[in-house]
Amino acid sequence: MVDAKMLDKISSAPGFIAALDQSGGSTPGALRLYGIADTDYQGDAEMFKAMHTMRVRIMTAPAFSGDKVVGAILFEQTMDGEADGQAVPSYLWEKRGVVPFLKVDKGLRAEENGVQLMKPMPDLDALLIRGRNKGIFGTKMRSVIAHADKAGIAAIVKEQFEVARQIIGQGLVPIIEPEILIKSPTKAEAEAILRDEIAAHLDKLPAGENVMLKVTIPTEADFYKSLAAHKSVVRVVALSGGYSRADACEKLSHNHDMIASFSRALTENLRVTMSDAEFDASLAETIDEIYAASVNKS
């Protein structure tokens, strides 16, 4: 059963979703940006420990609260960790008023037909049950679209919705994330195909089955507005996709019914060498900027 209070918050409260879910492939780059070099740790265990420490510093900062951050997407090891002596999902909801989500995909397959489907997730049900028991509200899973190939995009959307139904069956709300690369030479054409494919699958969802959508900020403002209005869509959120925070926020501000779910753009100005006061001030400024782009539309 979906938590009604969390659903109400994530569907209607002003704010944005923080994406704190970098996994194995993207973690080294995120740590480098933070000021931790590859030579500062040895092996995956030390790498993920350094990443968890960074995430806890973010989650426990004064500005990271449900007033402006309505949700946070967690990597599995972050979900299993602690913040301020409490399990992360319960800490986020009970102490910060932030709805916890879990990244569930295991990475991407090789590109075929201009897209990358998700790798198999044979243990997904067990992970969903564990997440639900820890207080997780929803999930996120990412696919990638490089070119406007109709067959490839149709395959991505079909796979996303098939897994989404499995997630809904475990009482969680799935975030469907078919990312279109911002440097794709056929980005606008891919967006048109993607919107039609998503709409067709949304229309087939049984009553009471709901999803969220996480998409690249579209070339044409408000291009996904019709999807946001669909009865089966809880909310549409935008990924930063490699844009700087300033560019991502500027583009997002022109898209009504769409809030941020930024990862790199959220942390790009944070450094491990900052004092707590400097760190908190920088994060507060970032949160204010992303919140404004999510709430105040032009």
Protein backbone atom coordinates (compact mmCIF):
# COMPACT_ATOMS: atom_id res chain seq x y z
CA MET A 1 0.00 0.00 0.00
CA VAL A 2 1.41 3.37 -1.03
CA ASP A 3 1.91 5.74 1.91
CA ALA A 4 -0.84 8.38 1.55
CA LYS A 5 1.08 11.18 3.28
CA MET A 6 4.14 10.62 1.12
CA LEU A 7 1.97 10.45 -2.00
CA ASP A 8 0.32 13.74 -1.14
CA LYS A 9 3.69 15.40 -0.59
CA ILE A 10 5.33 14.11 -3.74
CA SER A 11 2.33 14.83 -5.95
CA SER A 12 1.55 18.39 -4.91
CA ALA A 13 4.08 20.02 -2.57
CA PRO A 14 6.29 22.75 -4.03
CA GLY A 15 9.92 21.77 -4.38
CA PHE A 16 12.15 19.32 -6.19
CA ILE A 17 13.66 15.84 -5.90
CA ALA A 18 17.35 15.45 -5.09
CA ALA A 19 19.04 12.64 -7.03
CA LEU A 20 21.61 11.15 -4.65
CA ASP A 21 21.86 7.86 -6.51
CA GLN A 22 25.19 7.78 -8.33
CA SER A 23 26.24 4.13 -8.61
CA GLY A 24 29.45 2.33 -9.52
CA GLY A 25 29.97 3.84 -12.97
CA SER A 26 29.23 7.46 -12.08
CA THR A 27 30.60 7.54 -8.53
CA PRO A 28 34.28 8.24 -9.35
CA GLY A 29 33.33 11.27 -11.44
CA ALA A 30 31.06 12.59 -8.69
CA LEU A 31 33.83 12.18 -6.13
CA ARG A 32 36.36 13.93 -8.39
CA LEU A 33 34.00 16.88 -8.73
CA TYR A 34 33.70 16.93 -4.94
CA GLY A 35 37.50 17.02 -4.63
CA ILE A 36 38.25 13.36 -3.85
CA ALA A 37 40.74 11.94 -6.36
CA ASP A 38 40.78 8.32 -7.55
CA THR A 39 44.03 7.84 -5.59
CA ASP A 40 42.35 8.87 -2.32
CA TYR A 41 40.63 5.50 -1.97
CA GLN A 42 41.26 1.87 -2.83
CA GLY A 43 38.54 -0.43 -4.13
CA ASP A 44 34.77 -0.14 -4.27
CA ALA A 45 34.23 -0.38 -0.52
CA GLU A 46 36.30 2.73 0.21
CA MET A 47 34.81 4.52 -2.81
CA PHE A 48 31.23 3.96 -1.66
CA LYS A 49 32.16 4.87 1.92
CA ALA A 50 33.48 8.23 0.67
CA MET A 51 30.33 8.73 -1.39
CA HIS A 52 28.09 7.87 1.55
CA THR A 53 29.93 10.39 3.73
CA MET A 54 29.31 13.06 1.09
CA ARG A 55 25.62 12.16 0.84
CA VAL A 56 25.15 12.22 4.61
CA ARG A 57 26.76 15.68 4.69
CA ILE A 58 24.15 16.80 2.15
CA MET A 59 21.17 15.14 3.83
CA THR A 60 22.01 16.49 7.29
CA ALA A 61 22.65 20.06 6.12
CA PRO A 62 20.10 22.57 7.47
CA ALA A 63 18.83 23.56 4.01
CA PHE A 64 18.10 19.97 3.00
CA SER A 65 14.55 19.78 4.28
CA GLY A 66 11.07 19.04 3.02
CA ASP A 67 10.32 22.74 2.72
CA LYS A 68 12.10 22.77 -0.64
CA VAL A 69 13.37 19.20 -1.21
CA VAL A 70 10.27 17.03 -1.49
CA GLY A 71 12.07 13.78 -2.32
CA ALA A 72 15.47 12.11 -2.57
CA ILE A 73 16.55 9.20 -4.78
CA LEU A 74 18.98 6.86 -3.04
CA PHE A 75 21.52 4.31 -4.20
CA GLU A 76 20.98 0.88 -2.60
CA GLN A 77 23.98 1.20 -0.29
CA THR A 78 22.80 4.64 0.80
CA MET A 79 19.40 3.16 1.68
CA ASP A 80 21.18 0.55 3.79
CA GLY A 81 23.32 3.15 5.57
CA GLU A 82 22.66 5.60 8.38
CA ALA A 83 22.44 9.36 8.78
CA ASP A 84 22.78 10.88 12.24
CA GLY A 85 22.46 7.42 13.79
CA GLN A 86 19.22 6.54 11.99
CA ALA A 87 18.45 4.44 8.91
CA VAL A 88 18.58 6.81 5.93
CA PRO A 89 14.99 6.35 4.60
CA SER A 90 13.40 6.92 8.00
CA TYR A 91 15.79 9.79 8.74
CA LEU A 92 14.79 11.52 5.52
CA TRP A 93 11.06 11.21 6.13
CA GLU A 94 10.82 11.51 9.91
CA LYS A 95 13.52 14.11 10.53
CA ARG A 96 13.64 16.05 7.24
CA GLY A 97 10.19 15.59 5.69
CA VAL A 98 11.76 14.26 2.47
CA VAL A 99 10.17 11.32 0.62
CA PRO A 100 12.71 8.51 -0.03
CA PHE A 101 13.07 6.76 -3.40
CA LEU A 102 15.41 3.94 -4.43
CA LYS A 103 17.36 3.50 -7.66
CA VAL A 104 16.70 -0.11 -8.71
CA ASP A 105 18.24 -0.55 -12.16
CA LYS A 106 21.56 -2.37 -12.54
CA GLY A 107 22.94 -0.26 -15.36
CA LEU A 108 22.61 -0.28 -19.12
CA ARG A 109 23.01 -2.80 -21.91
CA ALA A 110 25.06 -2.02 -25.01
CA GLU A 111 23.47 0.37 -27.49
CA GLU A 112 21.14 -1.15 -30.06
CA ASN A 113 18.68 0.68 -32.34
CA GLY A 114 19.95 3.98 -30.96
CA VAL A 115 19.08 3.18 -27.34
CA GLN A 116 20.37 1.39 -24.27
CA LEU A 117 17.91 -0.85 -22.47
CA MET A 118 18.36 -1.82 -18.83
CA LYS A 119 20.37 -4.81 -17.70
CA PRO A 120 18.31 -7.67 -16.22
CA MET A 121 17.10 -7.30 -12.62
CA PRO A 122 16.52 -10.89 -11.47
CA ASP A 123 16.43 -9.97 -7.77
CA LEU A 124 14.13 -6.97 -8.17
CA ASP A 125 11.23 -8.30 -6.07
CA ALA A 126 13.52 -9.00 -3.12
CA LEU A 127 15.02 -5.50 -3.39
CA LEU A 128 11.57 -3.91 -3.58
CA ILE A 129 10.37 -5.77 -0.50
CA ARG A 130 13.51 -4.78 1.41
CA GLY A 131 13.11 -1.17 0.33
CA ARG A 132 9.44 -1.09 1.26
CA ASN A 133 10.25 -2.50 4.71
CA LYS A 134 12.82 0.26 5.18
CA GLY A 135 10.28 2.97 4.38
CA ILE A 136 11.03 3.56 0.69
CA PHE A 137 8.11 5.19 -1.15
CA GLY A 138 9.10 4.70 -4.77
CA THR A 139 11.81 3.70 -7.20
CA LYS A 140 13.77 5.00 -10.17
CA MET A 141 15.16 3.17 -13.20
CA ARG A 142 17.07 4.69 -16.11
CA SER A 143 17.34 3.89 -19.81
CA VAL A 144 19.15 6.00 -22.42
CA ILE A 145 18.10 7.25 -25.85
CA ALA A 146 20.85 8.44 -28.19
CA HIS A 147 18.95 8.69 -31.48
CA ALA A 148 15.38 9.10 -32.72
CA ASP A 149 14.91 5.44 -33.61
CA LYS A 150 11.22 4.55 -33.30
CA ALA A 151 11.80 0.84 -32.71
CA GLY A 152 14.47 1.51 -30.12
CA ILE A 153 12.40 4.07 -28.21
CA ALA A 154 9.34 1.83 -28.34
CA ALA A 155 11.43 -0.98 -26.82
CA ILE A 156 12.66 1.29 -24.02
CA VAL A 157 9.18 2.48 -23.08
CA LYS A 158 7.77 -1.06 -23.24
CA GLU A 159 10.50 -2.33 -20.91
CA GLN A 160 10.10 0.61 -18.51
CA PHE A 161 6.36 0.06 -18.16
CA GLU A 162 6.72 -3.71 -17.78
CA VAL A 163 9.10 -3.22 -14.85
CA ALA A 164 6.93 -0.39 -13.52
CA ARG A 165 3.96 -2.78 -13.23
CA GLN A 166 6.16 -5.14 -11.20
CA ILE A 167 7.14 -2.27 -8.89
CA ILE A 168 3.52 -1.12 -8.50
CA GLY A 169 2.66 -4.70 -7.56
CA GLN A 170 4.97 -4.37 -4.57
CA GLY A 171 3.19 -1.25 -3.34
CA LEU A 172 5.72 1.32 -4.56
CA VAL A 173 5.51 4.20 -7.04
CA PRO A 174 7.97 3.87 -9.95
CA ILE A 175 9.81 6.75 -11.59
CA ILE A 176 10.21 5.90 -15.27
CA GLU A 177 13.38 7.52 -16.64
CA PRO A 178 14.00 7.25 -20.41
CA GLU A 179 16.80 9.81 -20.67
CA ILE A 180 17.42 11.44 -24.06
CA LEU A 181 21.04 12.54 -24.33
CA ILE A 182 21.26 16.34 -24.48
CA LYS A 183 23.86 16.09 -27.27
CA SER A 184 21.75 13.77 -29.42
CA PRO A 185 21.65 15.13 -33.00
CA THR A 186 17.98 14.08 -33.16
CA LYS A 187 16.91 15.16 -29.66
CA ALA A 188 13.70 16.94 -30.70
CA GLU A 189 12.63 14.09 -32.97
CA ALA A 190 13.33 11.57 -30.20
CA GLU A 191 11.19 13.61 -27.80
CA ALA A 192 8.22 13.44 -30.16
CA ILE A 193 8.49 9.66 -30.46
CA LEU A 194 9.00 9.26 -26.72
CA ARG A 195 5.99 11.38 -25.78
CA ASP A 196 3.70 9.36 -28.06
CA GLU A 197 5.02 6.03 -26.80
CA ILE A 198 4.64 7.03 -23.16
CA ALA A 199 1.12 8.34 -23.74
CA ALA A 200 0.08 5.07 -25.36
CA HIS A 201 1.35 3.03 -22.40
CA LEU A 202 -0.19 5.40 -19.84
CA ASP A 203 -3.58 4.90 -21.48
CA LYS A 204 -3.24 1.15 -20.93
CA LEU A 205 -2.52 1.36 -17.21
CA PRO A 206 -5.35 0.01 -15.05
CA ALA A 207 -7.16 2.50 -12.84
CA GLY A 208 -5.27 3.14 -9.63
CA GLU A 209 -1.84 2.27 -11.06
CA ASN A 210 0.31 5.39 -11.11
CA VAL A 211 3.82 6.29 -12.24
CA MET A 212 6.14 9.27 -12.21
CA LEU A 213 8.15 10.36 -15.24
CA LYS A 214 11.75 11.60 -15.23
CA VAL A 215 12.77 13.08 -18.56
CA THR A 216 15.41 15.26 -20.15
CA ILE A 217 14.36 18.92 -20.27
CA PRO A 218 12.69 19.16 -23.68
CA THR A 219 13.81 21.25 -26.64
CA GLU A 220 10.37 22.86 -26.82
CA ALA A 221 9.07 24.31 -23.55
CA ASP A 222 6.06 22.49 -22.05
CA PHE A 223 6.45 19.65 -24.55
CA TYR A 224 5.50 17.07 -21.89
CA LYS A 225 2.64 19.08 -20.40
CA SER A 226 0.04 16.63 -21.73
CA LEU A 227 1.80 13.75 -19.95
CA ALA A 228 1.84 15.69 -16.67
CA ALA A 229 -1.93 16.08 -16.96
CA HIS A 230 -2.54 12.33 -17.44
CA LYS A 231 -4.60 10.72 -14.67
CA SER A 232 -1.96 8.01 -14.11
CA VAL A 233 0.99 10.41 -13.72
CA VAL A 234 1.83 11.49 -10.17
CA ARG A 235 4.41 14.06 -11.29
CA VAL A 236 6.88 14.82 -14.08
CA VAL A 237 10.45 15.60 -13.04
CA ALA A 238 13.46 16.69 -15.06
CA LEU A 239 17.03 15.44 -15.05
CA SER A 240 19.89 17.88 -15.56
CA GLY A 241 21.50 15.62 -18.15
CA GLY A 242 24.92 17.25 -18.19
CA TYR A 243 23.73 20.85 -18.32
CA SER A 244 25.33 23.19 -15.80
CA ARG A 245 23.06 24.07 -12.91
CA ALA A 246 22.50 27.56 -14.30
CA ASP A 247 21.53 26.23 -17.75
CA ALA A 248 19.38 23.44 -16.34
CA CYS A 249 17.50 25.83 -14.08
CA GLU A 250 16.98 28.36 -16.85
CA LYS A 251 15.56 25.71 -19.19
CA LEU A 252 13.44 24.14 -16.45
CA SER A 253 11.88 27.50 -15.55
CA HIS A 254 10.09 27.55 -18.92
CA ASN A 255 8.45 24.15 -18.35
CA HIS A 256 5.25 24.27 -16.31
CA ASP A 257 4.13 21.15 -14.40
CA MET A 258 7.74 19.94 -14.25
CA ILE A 259 10.09 20.03 -11.26
CA ALA A 260 13.78 19.23 -10.97
CA SER A 261 15.37 15.93 -10.09
CA PHE A 262 19.00 16.97 -10.42
CA SER A 263 22.12 15.02 -9.53
CA ARG A 264 25.38 16.60 -10.74
CA ALA A 265 23.75 20.03 -10.98
CA LEU A 266 22.85 19.73 -7.29
CA THR A 267 26.39 19.01 -6.12
CA GLU A 268 28.56 20.83 -8.67
CA ASN A 269 29.69 23.59 -6.25
CA LEU A 270 30.25 21.38 -3.19
CA ARG A 271 33.82 20.49 -2.15
CA VAL A 272 35.16 18.16 0.50
CA THR A 273 37.57 20.87 1.69
CA MET A 274 34.76 23.29 2.60
CA SER A 275 34.12 24.06 6.24
CA ASP A 276 30.67 23.04 7.45
CA ALA A 277 29.56 26.67 7.27
CA GLU A 278 30.83 27.04 3.70
CA PHE A 279 29.29 23.73 2.66
CA ASP A 280 25.91 24.54 4.19
CA ALA A 281 25.84 28.01 2.63
CA SER A 282 26.76 26.70 -0.83
CA LEU A 283 24.15 23.93 -0.65
CA ALA A 284 21.49 26.37 0.57
CA GLU A 285 22.18 28.65 -2.39
CA THR A 286 21.95 25.70 -4.79
CA ILE A 287 18.71 24.45 -3.24
CA ASP A 288 17.18 27.93 -3.48
CA GLU A 289 18.08 28.17 -7.17
CA ILE A 290 16.74 24.73 -8.10
CA TYR A 291 13.60 25.30 -6.01
CA ALA A 292 12.95 28.59 -7.77
CA ALA A 293 13.25 26.97 -11.20
CA SER A 294 10.88 24.21 -10.11
CA VAL A 295 8.24 26.49 -8.62
CA ASN A 296 8.46 29.90 -10.32
CA LYS A 297 7.74 29.51 -14.02
CA SER A 298 8.22 32.06 -16.77
